[in-house]
Amino acid sequence: MTVTIRRVLCVLPLLLVTVVAVRQRAVLSEGFGLLATARWPWLLAAAGLTCLTWVAAACTRQGAVLERLPGRRLLATQFAAGAANHLLPTGLGASAVNLRFMAVCGLSPARSSAALALYLLAECVGRVGLLGALLVVFPDALPFGSLLPDEVPVGAFLVGGAVLAGVVGALASVRRVRTVVGGFLRTALGEARSVHVRPARALALWGGALAFPALQAGVLVLVAQAFGLSVPAAHLAVAYLAATVAVALVPTPGGIGSVEAALVVALVAVGGAAAVATAVVLVFRLITVWLPLLPGAVTLAALVRLKVI
């Protein structure tokens, strides 16, 4: 039975890639068509920066745990997790892959979950912190007024907040839930303190968390250069960070669809022509999502077969 399940898991990533590619075939076709009109040196540099994003992710994952993880397997796992992340919604794929990898490396479920929570926290703080720093230096980089609706549904937000508070209150009244959550928080805080006592781990954690969004913003800047988009690099970086933060809660696999729309709107808001901005976003997503997707799925299947995850 276990062998059968493992064989299914080996084939499943490739099947999911096929399904997603078929559903997004119009976007893929247009993106590949636009490659012929771009300047290739800039695209090659963008591909190189994309590869470095997996190194940054591996550094952040290593920084979230005290034990030294096997470097090559950790890097391969991040490449595979990237593919899984684009096949399942809201980061579930990457989280599942990394939880399994840490379990194989000998970490308990509680410590693996604590390390994952610390990684997600660092990633969130790094992205939002980088956006905030750029907005302080370039306050006029992105006119947020043009991105917001004319009427903000305050009532809907209040109702949603009240429902969320009610759910949290109801769960908090259950003793078993309080015990589980309390135990997890104690483990997570203990792991966070232990990691930050080690300067090398803290540097890997926060350095990688800042490097990852900075590298992806750099990829967008290079693709914009390939198409001659006349927008300052800092403004492009702000547009990318603002767009990705805005769609972070949208439950689509890898942000497919939502990220493209938000990026086009953001690039137009910072002064880019709509047609060129659309071409830049399509090729940016082609380089960062679609081209690594198939080899990432193959790597994921190989790691499952080799029992690395």
C-alpha atoms as a PDB file:
ATOM      1  CA  MET A   1       0.000   0.000   0.000  1.00  0.00           C
ATOM      2  CA  THR A   2       2.779   2.434   0.929  1.00  0.00           C
ATOM      3  CA  VAL A   3       4.594   1.718  -2.360  1.00  0.00           C
ATOM      4  CA  THR A   4       1.398   2.402  -4.324  1.00  0.00           C
ATOM      5  CA  ILE A   5       0.859   5.723  -2.533  1.00  0.00           C
ATOM      6  CA  ARG A   6       4.453   6.752  -3.185  1.00  0.00           C
ATOM      7  CA  ARG A   7       4.082   5.949  -6.895  1.00  0.00           C
ATOM      8  CA  VAL A   8       0.937   8.073  -7.060  1.00  0.00           C
ATOM      9  CA  LEU A   9       2.738  10.945  -5.339  1.00  0.00           C
ATOM     10  CA  CYS A  10       5.561  10.684  -7.877  1.00  0.00           C
ATOM     11  CA  VAL A  11       3.160  11.098 -10.802  1.00  0.00           C
ATOM     12  CA  LEU A  12       0.756  13.601  -9.192  1.00  0.00           C
ATOM     13  CA  PRO A  13       2.965  16.744  -9.583  1.00  0.00           C
ATOM     14  CA  LEU A  14       3.357  16.118 -13.330  1.00  0.00           C
ATOM     15  CA  LEU A  15      -0.387  15.639 -13.738  1.00  0.00           C
ATOM     16  CA  LEU A  16      -1.094  18.863 -11.849  1.00  0.00           C
ATOM     17  CA  VAL A  17       1.376  20.768 -14.039  1.00  0.00           C
ATOM     18  CA  THR A  18      -0.406  19.465 -17.124  1.00  0.00           C
ATOM     19  CA  VAL A  19      -3.815  20.529 -15.792  1.00  0.00           C
ATOM     20  CA  VAL A  20      -2.633  24.027 -14.837  1.00  0.00           C
ATOM     21  CA  ALA A  21      -0.794  24.487 -18.164  1.00  0.00           C
ATOM     22  CA  VAL A  22      -3.889  23.499 -20.157  1.00  0.00           C
ATOM     23  CA  ARG A  23      -6.080  25.875 -18.165  1.00  0.00           C
ATOM     24  CA  GLN A  24      -3.588  28.733 -18.636  1.00  0.00           C
ATOM     25  CA  ARG A  25      -2.605  27.890 -22.235  1.00  0.00           C
ATOM     26  CA  ALA A  26      -3.662  31.316 -23.591  1.00  0.00           C
ATOM     27  CA  VAL A  27      -1.389  33.117 -21.109  1.00  0.00           C
ATOM     28  CA  LEU A  28       1.473  30.737 -21.827  1.00  0.00           C
ATOM     29  CA  SER A  29       1.114  31.144 -25.586  1.00  0.00           C
ATOM     30  CA  GLU A  30       1.092  34.934 -25.338  1.00  0.00           C
ATOM     31  CA  GLY A  31       4.040  34.952 -22.943  1.00  0.00           C
ATOM     32  CA  PHE A  32       6.191  32.768 -25.201  1.00  0.00           C
ATOM     33  CA  GLY A  33       5.246  34.934 -28.166  1.00  0.00           C
ATOM     34  CA  LEU A  34       6.446  38.058 -26.387  1.00  0.00           C
ATOM     35  CA  LEU A  35       9.877  36.539 -25.709  1.00  0.00           C
ATOM     36  CA  ALA A  36      10.874  37.189 -29.332  1.00  0.00           C
ATOM     37  CA  THR A  37      10.399  40.942 -28.897  1.00  0.00           C
ATOM     38  CA  ALA A  38      12.528  41.266 -25.732  1.00  0.00           C
ATOM     39  CA  ARG A  39      16.275  41.892 -25.397  1.00  0.00           C
ATOM     40  CA  TRP A  40      17.761  38.530 -24.389  1.00  0.00           C
ATOM     41  CA  PRO A  41      20.720  39.669 -22.198  1.00  0.00           C
ATOM     42  CA  TRP A  42      18.261  41.208 -19.748  1.00  0.00           C
ATOM     43  CA  LEU A  43      16.117  38.057 -19.772  1.00  0.00           C
ATOM     44  CA  LEU A  44      19.132  35.837 -19.095  1.00  0.00           C
ATOM     45  CA  ALA A  45      20.072  38.056 -16.151  1.00  0.00           C
ATOM     46  CA  ALA A  46      16.478  37.775 -14.905  1.00  0.00           C
ATOM     47  CA  ALA A  47      16.668  33.976 -15.130  1.00  0.00           C
ATOM     48  CA  GLY A  48      19.893  34.048 -13.098  1.00  0.00           C
ATOM     49  CA  LEU A  49      18.264  36.134 -10.349  1.00  0.00           C
ATOM     50  CA  THR A  50      15.329  33.725 -10.316  1.00  0.00           C
ATOM     51  CA  CYS A  51      17.724  30.873  -9.527  1.00  0.00           C
ATOM     52  CA  LEU A  52      19.098  32.882  -6.600  1.00  0.00           C
ATOM     53  CA  THR A  53      15.608  33.122  -5.079  1.00  0.00           C
ATOM     54  CA  TRP A  54      15.761  29.404  -4.256  1.00  0.00           C
ATOM     55  CA  VAL A  55      19.098  29.971  -2.512  1.00  0.00           C
ATOM     56  CA  ALA A  56      17.490  32.768  -0.467  1.00  0.00           C
ATOM     57  CA  ALA A  57      14.565  30.493   0.442  1.00  0.00           C
ATOM     58  CA  ALA A  58      16.991  27.751   1.513  1.00  0.00           C
ATOM     59  CA  CYS A  59      18.878  30.236   3.732  1.00  0.00           C
ATOM     60  CA  THR A  60      15.654  31.314   5.413  1.00  0.00           C
ATOM     61  CA  ARG A  61      14.592  27.701   6.002  1.00  0.00           C
ATOM     62  CA  GLN A  62      18.002  26.889   7.509  1.00  0.00           C
ATOM     63  CA  GLY A  63      17.833  29.971   9.708  1.00  0.00           C
ATOM     64  CA  ALA A  64      14.534  28.813  11.192  1.00  0.00           C
ATOM     65  CA  VAL A  65      16.041  25.664  12.785  1.00  0.00           C
ATOM     66  CA  LEU A  66      19.047  25.049  15.023  1.00  0.00           C
ATOM     67  CA  GLU A  67      20.133  21.794  13.366  1.00  0.00           C
ATOM     68  CA  ARG A  68      22.263  21.976  10.259  1.00  0.00           C
ATOM     69  CA  LEU A  69      20.162  20.712   7.356  1.00  0.00           C
ATOM     70  CA  PRO A  70      21.823  18.903   4.406  1.00  0.00           C
ATOM     71  CA  GLY A  71      22.605  21.755   2.011  1.00  0.00           C
ATOM     72  CA  ARG A  72      22.087  20.174  -1.404  1.00  0.00           C
ATOM     73  CA  ARG A  73      18.919  18.386  -0.377  1.00  0.00           C
ATOM     74  CA  LEU A  74      17.631  21.587   1.236  1.00  0.00           C
ATOM     75  CA  LEU A  75      18.210  23.556  -1.980  1.00  0.00           C
ATOM     76  CA  ALA A  76      16.587  20.845  -4.118  1.00  0.00           C
ATOM     77  CA  THR A  77      13.628  20.800  -1.746  1.00  0.00           C
ATOM     78  CA  GLN A  78      13.126  24.574  -2.151  1.00  0.00           C
ATOM     79  CA  PHE A  79      13.146  24.192  -5.930  1.00  0.00           C
ATOM     80  CA  ALA A  80      10.562  21.412  -5.660  1.00  0.00           C
ATOM     81  CA  ALA A  81       8.554  23.365  -3.076  1.00  0.00           C
ATOM     82  CA  GLY A  82       8.337  26.270  -5.520  1.00  0.00           C
ATOM     83  CA  ALA A  83       6.568  24.002  -8.004  1.00  0.00           C
ATOM     84  CA  ALA A  84       4.268  22.621  -5.297  1.00  0.00           C
ATOM     85  CA  ASN A  85       3.491  26.166  -4.196  1.00  0.00           C
ATOM     86  CA  HIS A  86       2.190  27.022  -7.674  1.00  0.00           C
ATOM     87  CA  LEU A  87      -0.021  23.939  -7.793  1.00  0.00           C
ATOM     88  CA  LEU A  88      -1.811  24.370  -4.452  1.00  0.00           C
ATOM     89  CA  PRO A  89      -3.425  27.501  -2.969  1.00  0.00           C
ATOM     90  CA  THR A  90      -2.040  29.884  -0.328  1.00  0.00           C
ATOM     91  CA  GLY A  91       1.377  28.303   0.077  1.00  0.00           C
ATOM     92  CA  LEU A  92       0.063  24.894   1.168  1.00  0.00           C
ATOM     93  CA  GLY A  93       2.275  23.039  -1.286  1.00  0.00           C
ATOM     94  CA  ALA A  94       5.577  24.525  -0.142  1.00  0.00           C
ATOM     95  CA  SER A  95       4.588  24.168   3.513  1.00  0.00           C
ATOM     96  CA  ALA A  96       3.717  20.480   3.099  1.00  0.00           C
ATOM     97  CA  VAL A  97       6.966  19.753   1.234  1.00  0.00           C
ATOM     98  CA  ASN A  98       9.110  21.479   3.839  1.00  0.00           C
ATOM     99  CA  LEU A  99       7.301  19.914   6.793  1.00  0.00           C
ATOM    100  CA  ARG A 100       7.932  16.493   5.292  1.00  0.00           C
ATOM    101  CA  PHE A 101      11.587  17.346   4.598  1.00  0.00           C
ATOM    102  CA  MET A 102      12.166  18.455   8.198  1.00  0.00           C
ATOM    103  CA  ALA A 103      10.464  15.312   9.492  1.00  0.00           C
ATOM    104  CA  VAL A 104      12.812  13.158   7.377  1.00  0.00           C
ATOM    105  CA  CYS A 105      15.734  15.181   8.802  1.00  0.00           C
ATOM    106  CA  GLY A 106      14.673  14.133  12.302  1.00  0.00           C
ATOM    107  CA  LEU A 107      12.721  17.133  13.608  1.00  0.00           C
ATOM    108  CA  SER A 108       9.614  16.433  15.646  1.00  0.00           C
ATOM    109  CA  PRO A 109       6.226  17.566  14.275  1.00  0.00           C
ATOM    110  CA  ALA A 110       6.018  20.293  16.928  1.00  0.00           C
ATOM    111  CA  ARG A 111       9.460  21.705  16.092  1.00  0.00           C
ATOM    112  CA  SER A 112       8.846  21.419  12.347  1.00  0.00           C
ATOM    113  CA  SER A 113       5.604  23.367  12.701  1.00  0.00           C
ATOM    114  CA  ALA A 114       7.357  25.982  14.857  1.00  0.00           C
ATOM    115  CA  ALA A 115      10.116  26.354  12.256  1.00  0.00           C
ATOM    116  CA  LEU A 116       7.507  26.737   9.505  1.00  0.00           C
ATOM    117  CA  ALA A 117       5.680  29.415  11.504  1.00  0.00           C
ATOM    118  CA  LEU A 118       8.942  31.295  12.087  1.00  0.00           C
ATOM    119  CA  TYR A 119       9.777  31.087   8.375  1.00  0.00           C
ATOM    120  CA  LEU A 120       6.350  32.438   7.362  1.00  0.00           C
ATOM    121  CA  LEU A 121       6.631  35.238   9.916  1.00  0.00           C
ATOM    122  CA  ALA A 122      10.097  36.206   8.678  1.00  0.00           C
ATOM    123  CA  GLU A 123       8.929  36.100   5.057  1.00  0.00           C
ATOM    124  CA  CYS A 124       5.956  38.355   5.841  1.00  0.00           C
ATOM    125  CA  VAL A 125       8.013  40.817   7.893  1.00  0.00           C
ATOM    126  CA  GLY A 126      10.762  40.866   5.259  1.00  0.00           C
ATOM    127  CA  ARG A 127       8.382  41.634   2.384  1.00  0.00           C
ATOM    128  CA  VAL A 128       6.305  44.229   4.225  1.00  0.00           C
ATOM    129  CA  GLY A 129       9.403  45.754   5.848  1.00  0.00           C
ATOM    130  CA  LEU A 130      11.146  46.118   2.484  1.00  0.00           C
ATOM    131  CA  LEU A 131       8.038  47.735   1.021  1.00  0.00           C
ATOM    132  CA  GLY A 132       7.818  50.127   3.972  1.00  0.00           C
ATOM    133  CA  ALA A 133      11.503  51.078   3.682  1.00  0.00           C
ATOM    134  CA  LEU A 134      11.158  51.816  -0.031  1.00  0.00           C
ATOM    135  CA  LEU A 135       8.032  53.899   0.552  1.00  0.00           C
ATOM    136  CA  VAL A 136       9.885  55.954   3.164  1.00  0.00           C
ATOM    137  CA  VAL A 137      12.699  56.651   0.695  1.00  0.00           C
ATOM    138  CA  PHE A 138      10.382  57.015  -2.331  1.00  0.00           C
ATOM    139  CA  PRO A 139       7.053  58.235  -0.904  1.00  0.00           C
ATOM    140  CA  ASP A 140       5.643  59.137  -4.321  1.00  0.00           C
ATOM    141  CA  ALA A 141       6.640  55.884  -6.016  1.00  0.00           C
ATOM    142  CA  LEU A 142       3.114  54.439  -6.102  1.00  0.00           C
ATOM    143  CA  PRO A 143      -0.120  56.474  -6.051  1.00  0.00           C
ATOM    144  CA  PHE A 144      -2.201  54.168  -3.893  1.00  0.00           C
ATOM    145  CA  GLY A 145      -5.285  56.328  -4.469  1.00  0.00           C
ATOM    146  CA  SER A 146      -5.513  55.080  -8.051  1.00  0.00           C
ATOM    147  CA  LEU A 147      -5.468  51.470  -6.871  1.00  0.00           C
ATOM    148  CA  LEU A 148      -8.186  51.765  -4.218  1.00  0.00           C
ATOM    149  CA  PRO A 149     -11.929  51.622  -4.954  1.00  0.00           C
ATOM    150  CA  ASP A 150     -13.944  54.829  -4.672  1.00  0.00           C
ATOM    151  CA  GLU A 151     -16.055  53.367  -1.876  1.00  0.00           C
ATOM    152  CA  VAL A 152     -14.381  51.207   0.750  1.00  0.00           C
ATOM    153  CA  PRO A 153     -16.850  48.605   2.152  1.00  0.00           C
ATOM    154  CA  VAL A 154     -16.286  49.471   5.818  1.00  0.00           C
ATOM    155  CA  GLY A 155     -19.397  47.574   6.883  1.00  0.00           C
ATOM    156  CA  ALA A 156     -18.170  44.366   5.304  1.00  0.00           C
ATOM    157  CA  PHE A 157     -14.838  44.699   7.101  1.00  0.00           C
ATOM    158  CA  LEU A 158     -16.590  45.272  10.443  1.00  0.00           C
ATOM    159  CA  VAL A 159     -18.847  42.240   9.965  1.00  0.00           C
ATOM    160  CA  GLY A 160     -15.873  40.097   8.927  1.00  0.00           C
ATOM    161  CA  GLY A 161     -13.895  41.261  11.957  1.00  0.00           C
ATOM    162  CA  ALA A 162     -16.811  40.502  14.280  1.00  0.00           C
ATOM    163  CA  VAL A 163     -17.226  36.995  12.821  1.00  0.00           C
ATOM    164  CA  LEU A 164     -13.495  36.312  13.146  1.00  0.00           C
ATOM    165  CA  ALA A 165     -13.482  37.541  16.751  1.00  0.00           C
ATOM    166  CA  GLY A 166     -16.465  35.302  17.501  1.00  0.00           C
ATOM    167  CA  VAL A 167     -14.786  32.236  16.015  1.00  0.00           C
ATOM    168  CA  VAL A 168     -11.557  32.912  17.935  1.00  0.00           C
ATOM    169  CA  GLY A 169     -13.519  33.417  21.152  1.00  0.00           C
ATOM    170  CA  ALA A 170     -15.454  30.185  20.661  1.00  0.00           C
ATOM    171  CA  LEU A 171     -12.272  28.206  20.027  1.00  0.00           C
ATOM    172  CA  ALA A 172     -10.562  29.802  23.017  1.00  0.00           C
ATOM    173  CA  SER A 173     -13.373  28.581  25.264  1.00  0.00           C
ATOM    174  CA  VAL A 174     -12.538  24.941  24.447  1.00  0.00           C
ATOM    175  CA  ARG A 175      -9.977  23.659  26.915  1.00  0.00           C
ATOM    176  CA  ARG A 176      -8.387  21.146  24.522  1.00  0.00           C
ATOM    177  CA  VAL A 177      -7.867  23.854  21.886  1.00  0.00           C
ATOM    178  CA  ARG A 178      -6.282  26.162  24.490  1.00  0.00           C
ATOM    179  CA  THR A 179      -3.925  23.373  25.541  1.00  0.00           C
ATOM    180  CA  VAL A 180      -2.833  22.590  21.972  1.00  0.00           C
ATOM    181  CA  VAL A 181      -2.402  26.266  21.020  1.00  0.00           C
ATOM    182  CA  GLY A 182      -0.568  27.019  24.257  1.00  0.00           C
ATOM    183  CA  GLY A 183       1.831  24.121  23.728  1.00  0.00           C
ATOM    184  CA  PHE A 184       2.504  25.199  20.151  1.00  0.00           C
ATOM    185  CA  LEU A 185       3.155  28.808  21.180  1.00  0.00           C
ATOM    186  CA  ARG A 186       5.581  27.714  23.893  1.00  0.00           C
ATOM    187  CA  THR A 187       7.459  25.531  21.417  1.00  0.00           C
ATOM    188  CA  ALA A 188       7.483  28.250  18.765  1.00  0.00           C
ATOM    189  CA  LEU A 189       8.738  30.928  21.166  1.00  0.00           C
ATOM    190  CA  GLY A 190      11.413  28.588  22.506  1.00  0.00           C
ATOM    191  CA  GLU A 191      12.603  27.789  18.974  1.00  0.00           C
ATOM    192  CA  ALA A 192      12.636  31.483  18.039  1.00  0.00           C
ATOM    193  CA  ARG A 193      14.743  32.362  21.092  1.00  0.00           C
ATOM    194  CA  SER A 194      17.167  29.507  20.409  1.00  0.00           C
ATOM    195  CA  VAL A 195      17.610  30.532  16.766  1.00  0.00           C
ATOM    196  CA  HIS A 196      18.253  34.176  17.610  1.00  0.00           C
ATOM    197  CA  VAL A 197      20.930  33.231  20.152  1.00  0.00           C
ATOM    198  CA  ARG A 198      22.940  31.874  17.199  1.00  0.00           C
ATOM    199  CA  PRO A 199      24.044  34.881  15.055  1.00  0.00           C
ATOM    200  CA  ALA A 200      24.590  32.692  11.979  1.00  0.00           C
ATOM    201  CA  ARG A 201      21.045  31.342  12.162  1.00  0.00           C
ATOM    202  CA  ALA A 202      19.511  34.772  12.746  1.00  0.00           C
ATOM    203  CA  LEU A 203      21.479  36.196   9.807  1.00  0.00           C
ATOM    204  CA  ALA A 204      20.352  33.349   7.543  1.00  0.00           C
ATOM    205  CA  LEU A 205      16.729  33.744   8.653  1.00  0.00           C
ATOM    206  CA  TRP A 206      16.363  37.496   8.228  1.00  0.00           C
ATOM    207  CA  GLY A 207      18.897  37.894   5.443  1.00  0.00           C
ATOM    208  CA  GLY A 208      17.095  35.293   3.348  1.00  0.00           C
ATOM    209  CA  ALA A 209      13.684  36.772   4.204  1.00  0.00           C
ATOM    210  CA  LEU A 210      14.816  40.164   2.876  1.00  0.00           C
ATOM    211  CA  ALA A 211      16.785  38.782  -0.068  1.00  0.00           C
ATOM    212  CA  PHE A 212      13.907  36.726  -1.494  1.00  0.00           C
ATOM    213  CA  PRO A 213      11.473  39.595  -2.274  1.00  0.00           C
ATOM    214  CA  ALA A 214      14.388  41.866  -3.227  1.00  0.00           C
ATOM    215  CA  LEU A 215      15.589  39.306  -5.799  1.00  0.00           C
ATOM    216  CA  GLN A 216      12.108  38.836  -7.224  1.00  0.00           C
ATOM    217  CA  ALA A 217      11.690  42.597  -7.500  1.00  0.00           C
ATOM    218  CA  GLY A 218      15.056  42.642  -9.269  1.00  0.00           C
ATOM    219  CA  VAL A 219      13.766  40.056 -11.763  1.00  0.00           C
ATOM    220  CA  LEU A 220      10.829  42.350 -12.568  1.00  0.00           C
ATOM    221  CA  VAL A 221      13.209  45.294 -13.050  1.00  0.00           C
ATOM    222  CA  LEU A 222      15.374  43.285 -15.464  1.00  0.00           C
ATOM    223  CA  VAL A 223      12.370  42.110 -17.471  1.00  0.00           C
ATOM    224  CA  ALA A 224      11.158  45.713 -17.649  1.00  0.00           C
ATOM    225  CA  GLN A 225      14.565  46.686 -19.025  1.00  0.00           C
ATOM    226  CA  ALA A 226      14.246  43.931 -21.629  1.00  0.00           C
ATOM    227  CA  PHE A 227      11.061  45.578 -22.916  1.00  0.00           C
ATOM    228  CA  GLY A 228      12.238  49.170 -22.475  1.00  0.00           C
ATOM    229  CA  LEU A 229       9.609  50.069 -19.873  1.00  0.00           C
ATOM    230  CA  SER A 230      10.434  53.660 -18.900  1.00  0.00           C
ATOM    231  CA  VAL A 231       9.818  53.441 -15.147  1.00  0.00           C
ATOM    232  CA  PRO A 232      12.521  53.928 -12.454  1.00  0.00           C
ATOM    233  CA  ALA A 233      13.790  50.687 -10.896  1.00  0.00           C
ATOM    234  CA  ALA A 234      12.778  51.735  -7.359  1.00  0.00           C
ATOM    235  CA  HIS A 235       9.226  52.439  -8.521  1.00  0.00           C
ATOM    236  CA  LEU A 236       9.064  49.015 -10.176  1.00  0.00           C
ATOM    237  CA  ALA A 237      10.227  47.384  -6.952  1.00  0.00           C
ATOM    238  CA  VAL A 238       7.559  49.230  -4.962  1.00  0.00           C
ATOM    239  CA  ALA A 239       4.915  48.207  -7.500  1.00  0.00           C
ATOM    240  CA  TYR A 240       5.944  44.556  -7.264  1.00  0.00           C
ATOM    241  CA  LEU A 241       6.013  44.471  -3.458  1.00  0.00           C
ATOM    242  CA  ALA A 242       2.703  46.337  -3.145  1.00  0.00           C
ATOM    243  CA  ALA A 243       1.002  44.029  -5.651  1.00  0.00           C
ATOM    244  CA  THR A 244       2.249  40.825  -4.005  1.00  0.00           C
ATOM    245  CA  VAL A 245       1.328  42.034  -0.518  1.00  0.00           C
ATOM    246  CA  ALA A 246      -2.151  42.958  -1.789  1.00  0.00           C
ATOM    247  CA  VAL A 247      -2.828  39.501  -3.248  1.00  0.00           C
ATOM    248  CA  ALA A 248      -1.190  37.517  -0.425  1.00  0.00           C
ATOM    249  CA  LEU A 249      -4.586  36.506   0.991  1.00  0.00           C
ATOM    250  CA  VAL A 250      -6.111  35.510  -2.345  1.00  0.00           C
ATOM    251  CA  PRO A 251      -6.414  31.684  -2.288  1.00  0.00           C
ATOM    252  CA  THR A 252      -5.233  30.919  -5.821  1.00  0.00           C
ATOM    253  CA  PRO A 253      -2.412  28.458  -6.599  1.00  0.00           C
ATOM    254  CA  GLY A 254       0.802  30.495  -6.644  1.00  0.00           C
ATOM    255  CA  GLY A 255      -1.254  33.647  -7.105  1.00  0.00           C
ATOM    256  CA  ILE A 256      -1.926  32.608 -10.725  1.00  0.00           C
ATOM    257  CA  GLY A 257      -4.248  35.181 -12.244  1.00  0.00           C
ATOM    258  CA  SER A 258      -4.448  37.501  -9.236  1.00  0.00           C
ATOM    259  CA  VAL A 259      -0.740  38.398  -9.243  1.00  0.00           C
ATOM    260  CA  GLU A 260      -0.757  39.134 -12.968  1.00  0.00           C
ATOM    261  CA  ALA A 261      -3.750  41.462 -12.665  1.00  0.00           C
ATOM    262  CA  ALA A 262      -2.374  43.274  -9.614  1.00  0.00           C
ATOM    263  CA  LEU A 263       1.065  43.712 -11.207  1.00  0.00           C
ATOM    264  CA  VAL A 264      -0.344  45.179 -14.411  1.00  0.00           C
ATOM    265  CA  VAL A 265      -2.441  47.646 -12.415  1.00  0.00           C
ATOM    266  CA  ALA A 266       0.553  48.569 -10.239  1.00  0.00           C
ATOM    267  CA  LEU A 267       2.906  49.054 -13.208  1.00  0.00           C
ATOM    268  CA  VAL A 268       0.389  51.282 -14.965  1.00  0.00           C
ATOM    269  CA  ALA A 269      -0.057  53.226 -11.706  1.00  0.00           C
ATOM    270  CA  VAL A 270       3.686  53.966 -11.519  1.00  0.00           C
ATOM    271  CA  GLY A 271       3.709  55.309 -15.063  1.00  0.00           C
ATOM    272  CA  GLY A 272       4.115  52.354 -17.407  1.00  0.00           C
ATOM    273  CA  ALA A 273       2.221  52.056 -20.678  1.00  0.00           C
ATOM    274  CA  ALA A 274      -0.529  49.448 -20.393  1.00  0.00           C
ATOM    275  CA  ALA A 275       0.588  47.335 -23.381  1.00  0.00           C
ATOM    276  CA  VAL A 276       4.238  47.255 -22.322  1.00  0.00           C
ATOM    277  CA  ALA A 277       3.306  46.641 -18.673  1.00  0.00           C
ATOM    278  CA  THR A 278       1.201  43.651 -19.719  1.00  0.00           C
ATOM    279  CA  ALA A 279       4.089  42.214 -21.742  1.00  0.00           C
ATOM    280  CA  VAL A 280       6.490  42.721 -18.824  1.00  0.00           C
ATOM    281  CA  VAL A 281       4.167  40.971 -16.359  1.00  0.00           C
ATOM    282  CA  LEU A 282       3.507  38.023 -18.666  1.00  0.00           C
ATOM    283  CA  VAL A 283       7.209  37.390 -19.302  1.00  0.00           C
ATOM    284  CA  PHE A 284       8.056  37.999 -15.618  1.00  0.00           C
ATOM    285  CA  ARG A 285       5.577  35.297 -14.603  1.00  0.00           C
ATOM    286  CA  LEU A 286       6.805  33.056 -17.407  1.00  0.00           C
ATOM    287  CA  ILE A 287      10.368  33.231 -16.037  1.00  0.00           C
ATOM    288  CA  THR A 288       9.527  32.965 -12.348  1.00  0.00           C
ATOM    289  CA  VAL A 289       6.589  30.520 -12.494  1.00  0.00           C
ATOM    290  CA  TRP A 290       6.061  28.672 -15.733  1.00  0.00           C
ATOM    291  CA  LEU A 291       9.567  27.815 -16.934  1.00  0.00           C
ATOM    292  CA  PRO A 292      10.647  26.322 -13.535  1.00  0.00           C
ATOM    293  CA  LEU A 293       7.310  24.557 -13.062  1.00  0.00           C
ATOM    294  CA  LEU A 294       7.953  21.364 -15.039  1.00  0.00           C
ATOM    295  CA  PRO A 295      11.555  20.769 -13.831  1.00  0.00           C
ATOM    296  CA  GLY A 296      10.382  21.626 -10.304  1.00  0.00           C
ATOM    297  CA  ALA A 297       7.619  19.015 -10.546  1.00  0.00           C
ATOM    298  CA  VAL A 298      10.123  16.452 -11.853  1.00  0.00           C
ATOM    299  CA  THR A 299      12.433  17.285  -8.933  1.00  0.00           C
ATOM    300  CA  LEU A 300       9.532  16.925  -6.512  1.00  0.00           C
ATOM    301  CA  ALA A 301       8.675  13.501  -7.914  1.00  0.00           C
ATOM    302  CA  ALA A 302      12.339  12.440  -7.688  1.00  0.00           C
ATOM    303  CA  LEU A 303      12.621  13.601  -4.075  1.00  0.00           C
ATOM    304  CA  VAL A 304       9.495  11.602  -3.178  1.00  0.00           C
ATOM    305  CA  ARG A 305      10.885   8.543  -4.942  1.00  0.00           C
ATOM    306  CA  LEU A 306      14.251   8.880  -3.160  1.00  0.00           C
ATOM    307  CA  LYS A 307      12.442   9.361   0.192  1.00  0.00           C
ATOM    308  CA  VAL A 308      14.086  12.773   0.733  1.00  0.00           C
ATOM    309  CA  ILE A 309      10.549  14.026   1.445  1.00  0.00           C
END
